[in-house]
């Protein structure tokens, strides 16, 4: 969890995608996140966390469903939402939070 804490403590906003390999909606979010990475590469870092491989991190942030997106800056949670969403909605949520 040390490296994770270091990344989300950064002043660069970090969108964490808590996902699982068996999750259909998570798979549908891959192209959306790829496009988001292209569009907001200068302003937001994207970190993907597999909840099955990182149960300690998932427990710490009380992740109960996947996908769950959490936006961090300076170690603080700016925004959090569960479920899939389209690119425009996700981008709008991130921009309004930062």
PDB file of N, CA and C in Angstrom:
ATOM      1  N   UNK A   1       0.826  -1.194   0.000  1.00  0.00           N
ATOM      2  CA  UNK A   1       0.000   0.000   0.000  1.00  0.00           C
ATOM      3  C   UNK A   1       0.866   1.252   0.000  1.00  0.00           C
ATOM      4  N   UNK A   2       2.149   1.145   0.292  1.00  0.00           N
ATOM      5  CA  UNK A   2       3.038   2.295   0.341  1.00  0.00           C
ATOM      6  C   UNK A   2       3.104   3.060  -0.962  1.00  0.00           C
ATOM      7  N   UNK A   3       3.298   2.355  -2.054  1.00  0.00           N
ATOM      8  CA  UNK A   3       3.388   2.989  -3.374  1.00  0.00           C
ATOM      9  C   UNK A   3       2.059   3.651  -3.740  1.00  0.00           C
ATOM     10  N   UNK A   4       0.954   2.978  -3.424  1.00  0.00           N
ATOM     11  CA  UNK A   4      -0.377   3.528  -3.689  1.00  0.00           C
ATOM     12  C   UNK A   4      -0.541   4.851  -2.944  1.00  0.00           C
ATOM     13  N   UNK A   5      -0.215   4.870  -1.652  1.00  0.00           N
ATOM     14  CA  UNK A   5      -0.340   6.081  -0.837  1.00  0.00           C
ATOM     15  C   UNK A   5       0.510   7.212  -1.411  1.00  0.00           C
ATOM     16  N   UNK A   6       1.690   6.853  -1.874  1.00  0.00           N
ATOM     17  CA  UNK A   6       2.599   7.837  -2.453  1.00  0.00           C
ATOM     18  C   UNK A   6       1.979   8.464  -3.712  1.00  0.00           C
ATOM     19  N   UNK A   7       1.377   7.638  -4.547  1.00  0.00           N
ATOM     20  CA  UNK A   7       0.782   8.122  -5.801  1.00  0.00           C
ATOM     21  C   UNK A   7      -0.414   9.030  -5.525  1.00  0.00           C
ATOM     22  N   UNK A   8      -1.339   8.602  -4.644  1.00  0.00           N
ATOM     23  CA  UNK A   8      -2.542   9.412  -4.407  1.00  0.00           C
ATOM     24  C   UNK A   8      -2.254  10.643  -3.554  1.00  0.00           C
ATOM     25  N   UNK A   9      -1.113  10.684  -2.892  1.00  0.00           N
ATOM     26  CA  UNK A   9      -0.733  11.863  -2.104  1.00  0.00           C
ATOM     27  C   UNK A   9      -0.164  12.972  -2.989  1.00  0.00           C
ATOM     28  N   UNK A  10       0.045  12.681  -4.244  1.00  0.00           N
ATOM     29  CA  UNK A  10       0.614  13.629  -5.193  1.00  0.00           C
ATOM     30  C   UNK A  10      -0.325  14.825  -5.410  1.00  0.00           C
ATOM     31  N   UNK A  11       0.266  15.943  -5.810  1.00  0.00           N
ATOM     32  CA  UNK A  11      -0.552  17.112  -6.138  1.00  0.00           C
ATOM     33  C   UNK A  11      -1.201  16.962  -7.512  1.00  0.00           C
ATOM     34  N   UNK A  12      -0.760  15.968  -8.290  1.00  0.00           N
ATOM     35  CA  UNK A  12      -1.410  15.661  -9.566  1.00  0.00           C
ATOM     36  C   UNK A  12      -2.667  14.849  -9.268  1.00  0.00           C
ATOM     37  N   UNK A  13      -3.838  15.304  -9.715  1.00  0.00           N
ATOM     38  CA  UNK A  13      -5.058  14.526  -9.482  1.00  0.00           C
ATOM     39  C   UNK A  13      -4.899  13.114 -10.061  1.00  0.00           C
ATOM     40  N   UNK A  14      -5.308  12.122  -9.278  1.00  0.00           N
ATOM     41  CA  UNK A  14      -5.191  10.722  -9.683  1.00  0.00           C
ATOM     42  C   UNK A  14      -6.562  10.063  -9.618  1.00  0.00           C
ATOM     43  N   UNK A  15      -7.016   9.565 -10.772  1.00  0.00           N
ATOM     44  CA  UNK A  15      -8.271   8.826 -10.837  1.00  0.00           C
ATOM     45  C   UNK A  15      -7.934   7.359 -10.651  1.00  0.00           C
ATOM     46  N   UNK A  16      -8.478   6.760  -9.590  1.00  0.00           N
ATOM     47  CA  UNK A  16      -8.248   5.342  -9.336  1.00  0.00           C
ATOM     48  C   UNK A  16      -9.479   4.576  -9.791  1.00  0.00           C
ATOM     49  N   UNK A  17      -9.237   3.609 -10.666  1.00  0.00           N
ATOM     50  CA  UNK A  17     -10.286   2.730 -11.170  1.00  0.00           C
ATOM     51  C   UNK A  17     -10.163   1.410 -10.419  1.00  0.00           C
ATOM     52  N   UNK A  18     -11.064   1.170  -9.456  1.00  0.00           N
ATOM     53  CA  UNK A  18     -11.114  -0.109  -8.756  1.00  0.00           C
ATOM     54  C   UNK A  18     -11.956  -1.035  -9.620  1.00  0.00           C
ATOM     55  N   UNK A  19     -11.351  -2.120 -10.096  1.00  0.00           N
ATOM     56  CA  UNK A  19     -12.020  -3.001 -11.046  1.00  0.00           C
ATOM     57  C   UNK A  19     -11.731  -4.466 -10.702  1.00  0.00           C
ATOM     58  N   UNK A  20     -12.376  -5.357 -11.451  1.00  0.00           N
ATOM     59  CA  UNK A  20     -12.100  -6.791 -11.354  1.00  0.00           C
ATOM     60  C   UNK A  20     -12.099  -7.359 -12.771  1.00  0.00           C
ATOM     61  N   UNK A  21     -11.260  -8.354 -13.003  1.00  0.00           N
ATOM     62  CA  UNK A  21     -11.135  -8.924 -14.345  1.00  0.00           C
ATOM     63  C   UNK A  21     -12.418  -9.615 -14.804  1.00  0.00           C
ATOM     64  N   UNK A  22     -13.228 -10.098 -13.877  1.00  0.00           N
ATOM     65  CA  UNK A  22     -14.458 -10.816 -14.216  1.00  0.00           C
ATOM     66  C   UNK A  22     -15.660  -9.891 -14.404  1.00  0.00           C
ATOM     67  N   UNK A  23     -15.472  -8.590 -14.211  1.00  0.00           N
ATOM     68  CA  UNK A  23     -16.570  -7.614 -14.210  1.00  0.00           C
ATOM     69  C   UNK A  23     -16.850  -7.078 -15.616  1.00  0.00           C
ATOM     70  N   UNK A  24     -18.045  -7.339 -16.133  1.00  0.00           N
ATOM     71  CA  UNK A  24     -18.434  -6.868 -17.463  1.00  0.00           C
ATOM     72  C   UNK A  24     -18.393  -5.354 -17.607  1.00  0.00           C
ATOM     73  N   UNK A  25     -19.056  -4.598 -16.694  1.00  0.00           N
ATOM     74  CA  UNK A  25     -19.000  -3.139 -16.797  1.00  0.00           C
ATOM     75  C   UNK A  25     -17.567  -2.586 -16.713  1.00  0.00           C
ATOM     76  N   UNK A  26     -16.704  -3.268 -15.961  1.00  0.00           N
ATOM     77  CA  UNK A  26     -15.298  -2.834 -15.871  1.00  0.00           C
ATOM     78  C   UNK A  26     -14.632  -2.938 -17.238  1.00  0.00           C
ATOM     79  N   UNK A  27     -14.903  -4.039 -17.937  1.00  0.00           N
ATOM     80  CA  UNK A  27     -14.326  -4.237 -19.268  1.00  0.00           C
ATOM     81  C   UNK A  27     -14.822  -3.172 -20.245  1.00  0.00           C
ATOM     82  N   UNK A  28     -16.089  -2.779 -20.094  1.00  0.00           N
ATOM     83  CA  UNK A  28     -16.658  -1.756 -20.969  1.00  0.00           C
ATOM     84  C   UNK A  28     -16.023  -0.384 -20.703  1.00  0.00           C
ATOM     85  N   UNK A  29     -15.448  -0.197 -19.518  1.00  0.00           N
ATOM     86  CA  UNK A  29     -14.824   1.080 -19.169  1.00  0.00           C
ATOM     87  C   UNK A  29     -13.410   1.225 -19.743  1.00  0.00           C
ATOM     88  N   UNK A  30     -12.769   0.122 -20.153  1.00  0.00           N
ATOM     89  CA  UNK A  30     -11.398   0.192 -20.667  1.00  0.00           C
ATOM     90  C   UNK A  30     -11.232   1.209 -21.796  1.00  0.00           C
ATOM     91  N   UNK A  31     -12.056   1.154 -22.861  1.00  0.00           N
ATOM     92  CA  UNK A  31     -11.870   2.141 -23.937  1.00  0.00           C
ATOM     93  C   UNK A  31     -12.166   3.574 -23.473  1.00  0.00           C
ATOM     94  N   UNK A  32     -13.108   3.723 -22.553  1.00  0.00           N
ATOM     95  CA  UNK A  32     -13.433   5.050 -22.022  1.00  0.00           C
ATOM     96  C   UNK A  32     -12.225   5.614 -21.275  1.00  0.00           C
ATOM     97  N   UNK A  33     -11.601   4.775 -20.455  1.00  0.00           N
ATOM     98  CA  UNK A  33     -10.426   5.212 -19.695  1.00  0.00           C
ATOM     99  C   UNK A  33      -9.236   5.482 -20.609  1.00  0.00           C
ATOM    100  N   UNK A  34      -9.094   4.690 -21.660  1.00  0.00           N
ATOM    101  CA  UNK A  34      -8.019   4.941 -22.630  1.00  0.00           C
ATOM    102  C   UNK A  34      -8.200   6.304 -23.289  1.00  0.00           C
ATOM    103  N   UNK A  35      -9.426   6.617 -23.675  1.00  0.00           N
ATOM    104  CA  UNK A  35      -9.707   7.911 -24.300  1.00  0.00           C
ATOM    105  C   UNK A  35      -9.500   9.044 -23.290  1.00  0.00           C
ATOM    106  N   UNK A  36      -9.935   8.816 -22.056  1.00  0.00           N
ATOM    107  CA  UNK A  36      -9.757   9.814 -21.004  1.00  0.00           C
ATOM    108  C   UNK A  36      -8.275  10.098 -20.788  1.00  0.00           C
ATOM    109  N   UNK A  37      -7.489   9.043 -20.806  1.00  0.00           N
ATOM    110  CA  UNK A  37      -6.037   9.192 -20.642  1.00  0.00           C
ATOM    111  C   UNK A  37      -5.468  10.066 -21.762  1.00  0.00           C
ATOM    112  N   UNK A  38      -5.927   9.843 -22.991  1.00  0.00           N
ATOM    113  CA  UNK A  38      -5.480  10.664 -24.127  1.00  0.00           C
ATOM    114  C   UNK A  38      -5.921  12.122 -23.981  1.00  0.00           C
ATOM    115  N   UNK A  39      -7.160  12.317 -23.544  1.00  0.00           N
ATOM    116  CA  UNK A  39      -7.731  13.663 -23.463  1.00  0.00           C
ATOM    117  C   UNK A  39      -7.182  14.480 -22.291  1.00  0.00           C
ATOM    118  N   UNK A  40      -6.942  13.827 -21.164  1.00  0.00           N
ATOM    119  CA  UNK A  40      -6.556  14.556 -19.952  1.00  0.00           C
ATOM    120  C   UNK A  40      -5.161  14.197 -19.450  1.00  0.00           C
ATOM    121  N   UNK A  41      -4.323  13.694 -20.322  1.00  0.00           N
ATOM    122  CA  UNK A  41      -2.989  13.222 -19.929  1.00  0.00           C
ATOM    123  C   UNK A  41      -2.184  14.275 -19.179  1.00  0.00           C
ATOM    124  N   UNK A  42      -2.383  15.527 -19.513  1.00  0.00           N
ATOM    125  CA  UNK A  42      -1.612  16.596 -18.878  1.00  0.00           C
ATOM    126  C   UNK A  42      -2.116  16.929 -17.485  1.00  0.00           C
ATOM    127  N   UNK A  43      -3.369  16.579 -17.178  1.00  0.00           N
ATOM    128  CA  UNK A  43      -3.950  17.030 -15.915  1.00  0.00           C
ATOM    129  C   UNK A  43      -4.287  15.930 -14.918  1.00  0.00           C
ATOM    130  N   UNK A  44      -4.508  14.714 -15.394  1.00  0.00           N
ATOM    131  CA  UNK A  44      -4.945  13.641 -14.499  1.00  0.00           C
ATOM    132  C   UNK A  44      -4.172  12.361 -14.769  1.00  0.00           C
ATOM    133  N   UNK A  45      -3.753  11.711 -13.706  1.00  0.00           N
ATOM    134  CA  UNK A  45      -3.118  10.392 -13.799  1.00  0.00           C
ATOM    135  C   UNK A  45      -4.211   9.351 -13.551  1.00  0.00           C
ATOM    136  N   UNK A  46      -4.141   8.225 -14.245  1.00  0.00           N
ATOM    137  CA  UNK A  46      -5.121   7.149 -14.058  1.00  0.00           C
ATOM    138  C   UNK A  46      -4.400   5.926 -13.525  1.00  0.00           C
ATOM    139  N   UNK A  47      -4.945   5.377 -12.458  1.00  0.00           N
ATOM    140  CA  UNK A  47      -4.373   4.204 -11.810  1.00  0.00           C
ATOM    141  C   UNK A  47      -5.452   3.140 -11.714  1.00  0.00           C
ATOM    142  N   UNK A  48      -5.147   1.949 -12.208  1.00  0.00           N
ATOM    143  CA  UNK A  48      -6.110   0.844 -12.161  1.00  0.00           C
ATOM    144  C   UNK A  48      -5.712  -0.103 -11.027  1.00  0.00           C
ATOM    145  N   UNK A  49      -6.674  -0.432 -10.172  1.00  0.00           N
ATOM    146  CA  UNK A  49      -6.431  -1.328  -9.043  1.00  0.00           C
ATOM    147  C   UNK A  49      -7.387  -2.517  -9.147  1.00  0.00           C
ATOM    148  N   UNK A  50      -6.831  -3.707  -9.314  1.00  0.00           N
ATOM    149  CA  UNK A  50      -7.619  -4.938  -9.347  1.00  0.00           C
ATOM    150  C   UNK A  50      -7.965  -5.289  -7.897  1.00  0.00           C
ATOM    151  N   UNK A  51      -9.256  -5.255  -7.560  1.00  0.00           N
ATOM    152  CA  UNK A  51      -9.673  -5.477  -6.169  1.00  0.00           C
ATOM    153  C   UNK A  51      -9.366  -6.890  -5.684  1.00  0.00           C
ATOM    154  N   UNK A  52      -9.302  -7.849  -6.600  1.00  0.00           N
ATOM    155  CA  UNK A  52      -8.995  -9.223  -6.208  1.00  0.00           C
ATOM    156  C   UNK A  52      -7.516  -9.393  -5.856  1.00  0.00           C
ATOM    157  N   UNK A  53      -6.650  -8.609  -6.485  1.00  0.00           N
ATOM    158  CA  UNK A  53      -5.216  -8.689  -6.215  1.00  0.00           C
ATOM    159  C   UNK A  53      -4.775  -7.716  -5.119  1.00  0.00           C
ATOM    160  N   UNK A  54      -5.622  -6.744  -4.806  1.00  0.00           N
ATOM    161  CA  UNK A  54      -5.296  -5.713  -3.811  1.00  0.00           C
ATOM    162  C   UNK A  54      -6.441  -5.536  -2.813  1.00  0.00           C
ATOM    163  N   UNK A  55      -6.806  -6.617  -2.105  1.00  0.00           N
ATOM    164  CA  UNK A  55      -7.953  -6.520  -1.195  1.00  0.00           C
ATOM    165  C   UNK A  55      -7.733  -5.534  -0.048  1.00  0.00           C
ATOM    166  N   UNK A  56      -6.486  -5.331   0.371  1.00  0.00           N
ATOM    167  CA  UNK A  56      -6.223  -4.391   1.463  1.00  0.00           C
ATOM    168  C   UNK A  56      -6.571  -2.962   1.064  1.00  0.00           C
ATOM    169  N   UNK A  57      -6.226  -2.579  -0.159  1.00  0.00           N
ATOM    170  CA  UNK A  57      -6.546  -1.227  -0.648  1.00  0.00           C
ATOM    171  C   UNK A  57      -8.061  -1.095  -0.825  1.00  0.00           C
ATOM    172  N   UNK A  58      -8.688  -2.116  -1.394  1.00  0.00           N
ATOM    173  CA  UNK A  58     -10.140  -2.093  -1.598  1.00  0.00           C
ATOM    174  C   UNK A  58     -10.870  -1.984  -0.258  1.00  0.00           C
ATOM    175  N   UNK A  59     -10.409  -2.712   0.746  1.00  0.00           N
ATOM    176  CA  UNK A  59     -11.031  -2.650   2.074  1.00  0.00           C
ATOM    177  C   UNK A  59     -10.852  -1.278   2.705  1.00  0.00           C
ATOM    178  N   UNK A  60      -9.662  -0.736   2.583  1.00  0.00           N
ATOM    179  CA  UNK A  60      -9.378   0.579   3.185  1.00  0.00           C
ATOM    180  C   UNK A  60     -10.340   1.649   2.676  1.00  0.00           C
ATOM    181  N   UNK A  61     -10.690   1.577   1.395  1.00  0.00           N
ATOM    182  CA  UNK A  61     -11.580   2.579   0.809  1.00  0.00           C
ATOM    183  C   UNK A  61     -13.020   2.079   0.680  1.00  0.00           C
ATOM    184  N   UNK A  62     -13.319   0.970   1.361  1.00  0.00           N
ATOM    185  CA  UNK A  62     -14.680   0.424   1.424  1.00  0.00           C
ATOM    186  C   UNK A  62     -15.304   0.246   0.040  1.00  0.00           C
ATOM    187  N   UNK A  63     -14.527  -0.362  -0.854  1.00  0.00           N
ATOM    188  CA  UNK A  63     -15.018  -0.636  -2.201  1.00  0.00           C
ATOM    189  C   UNK A  63     -15.936  -1.856  -2.120  1.00  0.00           C
ATOM    190  N   UNK A  64     -17.211  -1.657  -2.415  1.00  0.00           N
ATOM    191  CA  UNK A  64     -18.199  -2.735  -2.320  1.00  0.00           C
ATOM    192  C   UNK A  64     -18.673  -3.219  -3.681  1.00  0.00           C
ATOM    193  N   UNK A  65     -18.456  -2.409  -4.708  1.00  0.00           N
ATOM    194  CA  UNK A  65     -18.868  -2.781  -6.060  1.00  0.00           C
ATOM    195  C   UNK A  65     -17.847  -2.275  -7.051  1.00  0.00           C
ATOM    196  N   UNK A  66     -17.778  -2.940  -8.181  1.00  0.00           N
ATOM    197  CA  UNK A  66     -16.856  -2.518  -9.224  1.00  0.00           C
ATOM    198  C   UNK A  66     -17.635  -2.313 -10.521  1.00  0.00           C
ATOM    199  N   UNK A  67     -17.239  -1.378 -11.354  1.00  0.00           N
ATOM    200  CA  UNK A  67     -16.132  -0.461 -11.124  1.00  0.00           C
ATOM    201  C   UNK A  67     -16.514   0.647 -10.139  1.00  0.00           C
ATOM    202  N   UNK A  68     -15.536   1.087  -9.371  1.00  0.00           N
ATOM    203  CA  UNK A  68     -15.684   2.271  -8.531  1.00  0.00           C
ATOM    204  C   UNK A  68     -14.523   3.192  -8.867  1.00  0.00           C
ATOM    205  N   UNK A  69     -14.846   4.444  -9.087  1.00  0.00           N
ATOM    206  CA  UNK A  69     -13.843   5.446  -9.422  1.00  0.00           C
ATOM    207  C   UNK A  69     -13.685   6.396  -8.242  1.00  0.00           C
ATOM    208  N   UNK A  70     -12.431   6.644  -7.867  1.00  0.00           N
ATOM    209  CA  UNK A  70     -12.139   7.574  -6.780  1.00  0.00           C
ATOM    210  C   UNK A  70     -11.069   8.537  -7.291  1.00  0.00           C
ATOM    211  N   UNK A  71     -11.350   9.821  -7.171  1.00  0.00           N
ATOM    212  CA  UNK A  71     -10.413  10.850  -7.607  1.00  0.00           C
ATOM    213  C   UNK A  71      -9.711  11.431  -6.382  1.00  0.00           C
ATOM    214  N   UNK A  72      -8.383  11.310  -6.364  1.00  0.00           N
ATOM    215  CA  UNK A  72      -7.574  11.799  -5.248  1.00  0.00           C
ATOM    216  C   UNK A  72      -6.729  12.991  -5.686  1.00  0.00           C
ATOM    217  N   UNK A  73      -6.427  13.858  -4.739  1.00  0.00           N
ATOM    218  CA  UNK A  73      -5.425  14.906  -4.923  1.00  0.00           C
ATOM    219  C   UNK A  73      -4.883  15.228  -3.535  1.00  0.00           C
ATOM    220  N   UNK A  74      -3.566  15.237  -3.417  1.00  0.00           N
ATOM    221  CA  UNK A  74      -2.913  15.488  -2.127  1.00  0.00           C
ATOM    222  C   UNK A  74      -3.418  14.534  -1.040  1.00  0.00           C
ATOM    223  N   UNK A  75      -3.725  13.301  -1.425  1.00  0.00           N
ATOM    224  CA  UNK A  75      -4.177  12.294  -0.465  1.00  0.00           C
ATOM    225  C   UNK A  75      -5.635  12.408  -0.057  1.00  0.00           C
ATOM    226  N   UNK A  76      -6.330  13.411  -0.553  1.00  0.00           N
ATOM    227  CA  UNK A  76      -7.737  13.621  -0.219  1.00  0.00           C
ATOM    228  C   UNK A  76      -8.628  13.108  -1.341  1.00  0.00           C
ATOM    229  N   UNK A  77      -9.802  12.596  -0.973  1.00  0.00           N
ATOM    230  CA  UNK A  77     -10.775  12.153  -1.973  1.00  0.00           C
ATOM    231  C   UNK A  77     -11.584  13.365  -2.419  1.00  0.00           C
ATOM    232  N   UNK A  78     -11.522  13.660  -3.715  1.00  0.00           N
ATOM    233  CA  UNK A  78     -12.271  14.781  -4.277  1.00  0.00           C
ATOM    234  C   UNK A  78     -13.648  14.348  -4.780  1.00  0.00           C
ATOM    235  N   UNK A  79     -13.726  13.102  -5.250  1.00  0.00           N
ATOM    236  CA  UNK A  79     -14.967  12.602  -5.856  1.00  0.00           C
ATOM    237  C   UNK A  79     -14.906  11.088  -5.888  1.00  0.00           C
ATOM    238  N   UNK A  80     -16.078  10.461  -5.781  1.00  0.00           N
ATOM    239  CA  UNK A  80     -16.160   9.006  -5.810  1.00  0.00           C
ATOM    240  C   UNK A  80     -17.501   8.597  -6.398  1.00  0.00           C
ATOM    241  N   UNK A  81     -17.471   7.576  -7.265  1.00  0.00           N
ATOM    242  CA  UNK A  81     -18.719   7.068  -7.838  1.00  0.00           C
ATOM    243  C   UNK A  81     -18.527   5.631  -8.293  1.00  0.00           C
ATOM    244  N   UNK A  82     -19.555   4.832  -8.094  1.00  0.00           N
ATOM    245  CA  UNK A  82     -19.535   3.442  -8.556  1.00  0.00           C
ATOM    246  C   UNK A  82     -20.356   3.316  -9.826  1.00  0.00           C
ATOM    247  N   UNK A  83     -19.986   2.328 -10.641  1.00  0.00           N
ATOM    248  CA  UNK A  83     -20.733   2.045 -11.865  1.00  0.00           C
ATOM    249  C   UNK A  83     -20.067   2.626 -13.097  1.00  0.00           C
ATOM    250  N   UNK A  84     -20.413   2.057 -14.229  1.00  0.00           N
ATOM    251  CA  UNK A  84     -19.865   2.534 -15.489  1.00  0.00           C
ATOM    252  C   UNK A  84     -20.500   3.853 -15.892  1.00  0.00           C
ATOM    253  N   UNK A  85     -19.791   4.599 -16.732  1.00  0.00           N
ATOM    254  CA  UNK A  85     -20.331   5.856 -17.247  1.00  0.00           C
ATOM    255  C   UNK A  85     -19.654   6.173 -18.569  1.00  0.00           C
ATOM    256  N   UNK A  86     -20.272   7.070 -19.323  1.00  0.00           N
ATOM    257  CA  UNK A  86     -19.680   7.428 -20.613  1.00  0.00           C
ATOM    258  C   UNK A  86     -18.560   8.439 -20.419  1.00  0.00           C
ATOM    259  N   UNK A  87     -17.789   8.630 -21.470  1.00  0.00           N
ATOM    260  CA  UNK A  87     -16.621   9.508 -21.418  1.00  0.00           C
ATOM    261  C   UNK A  87     -16.991  10.935 -21.011  1.00  0.00           C
ATOM    262  N   UNK A  88     -18.029  11.484 -21.620  1.00  0.00           N
ATOM    263  CA  UNK A  88     -18.412  12.872 -21.333  1.00  0.00           C
ATOM    264  C   UNK A  88     -18.763  13.054 -19.861  1.00  0.00           C
ATOM    265  N   UNK A  89     -19.492  12.108 -19.293  1.00  0.00           N
ATOM    266  CA  UNK A  89     -19.886  12.190 -17.884  1.00  0.00           C
ATOM    267  C   UNK A  89     -18.661  12.091 -16.984  1.00  0.00           C
ATOM    268  N   UNK A  90     -17.808  11.129 -17.253  1.00  0.00           N
ATOM    269  CA  UNK A  90     -16.616  10.936 -16.440  1.00  0.00           C
ATOM    270  C   UNK A  90     -15.715  12.167 -16.505  1.00  0.00           C
ATOM    271  N   UNK A  91     -15.501  12.674 -17.701  1.00  0.00           N
ATOM    272  CA  UNK A  91     -14.655  13.857 -17.890  1.00  0.00           C
ATOM    273  C   UNK A  91     -15.243  15.063 -17.133  1.00  0.00           C
ATOM    274  N   UNK A  92     -16.547  15.237 -17.228  1.00  0.00           N
ATOM    275  CA  UNK A  92     -17.227  16.346 -16.561  1.00  0.00           C
ATOM    276  C   UNK A  92     -17.079  16.241 -15.040  1.00  0.00           C
ATOM    277  N   UNK A  93     -17.237  15.047 -14.498  1.00  0.00           N
ATOM    278  CA  UNK A  93     -17.112  14.836 -13.039  1.00  0.00           C
ATOM    279  C   UNK A  93     -15.700  15.190 -12.584  1.00  0.00           C
ATOM    280  N   UNK A  94     -14.713  14.741 -13.343  1.00  0.00           N
ATOM    281  CA  UNK A  94     -13.306  14.998 -12.983  1.00  0.00           C
ATOM    282  C   UNK A  94     -13.014  16.495 -13.060  1.00  0.00           C
ATOM    283  N   UNK A  95     -13.411  17.130 -14.145  1.00  0.00           N
ATOM    284  CA  UNK A  95     -13.123  18.561 -14.314  1.00  0.00           C
ATOM    285  C   UNK A  95     -13.782  19.392 -13.232  1.00  0.00           C
ATOM    286  N   UNK A  96     -15.012  19.039 -12.840  1.00  0.00           N
ATOM    287  CA  UNK A  96     -15.688  19.830 -11.812  1.00  0.00           C
ATOM    288  C   UNK A  96     -15.057  19.599 -10.438  1.00  0.00           C
ATOM    289  N   UNK A  97     -14.471  18.434 -10.234  1.00  0.00           N
ATOM    290  CA  UNK A  97     -13.834  18.129  -8.941  1.00  0.00           C
ATOM    291  C   UNK A  97     -12.481  18.800  -8.781  1.00  0.00           C
ATOM    292  N   UNK A  98     -11.769  18.955  -9.912  1.00  0.00           N
ATOM    293  CA  UNK A  98     -10.437  19.564  -9.806  1.00  0.00           C
ATOM    294  C   UNK A  98     -10.511  21.016 -10.192  1.00  0.00           C
TER     295      UNK A  98
END
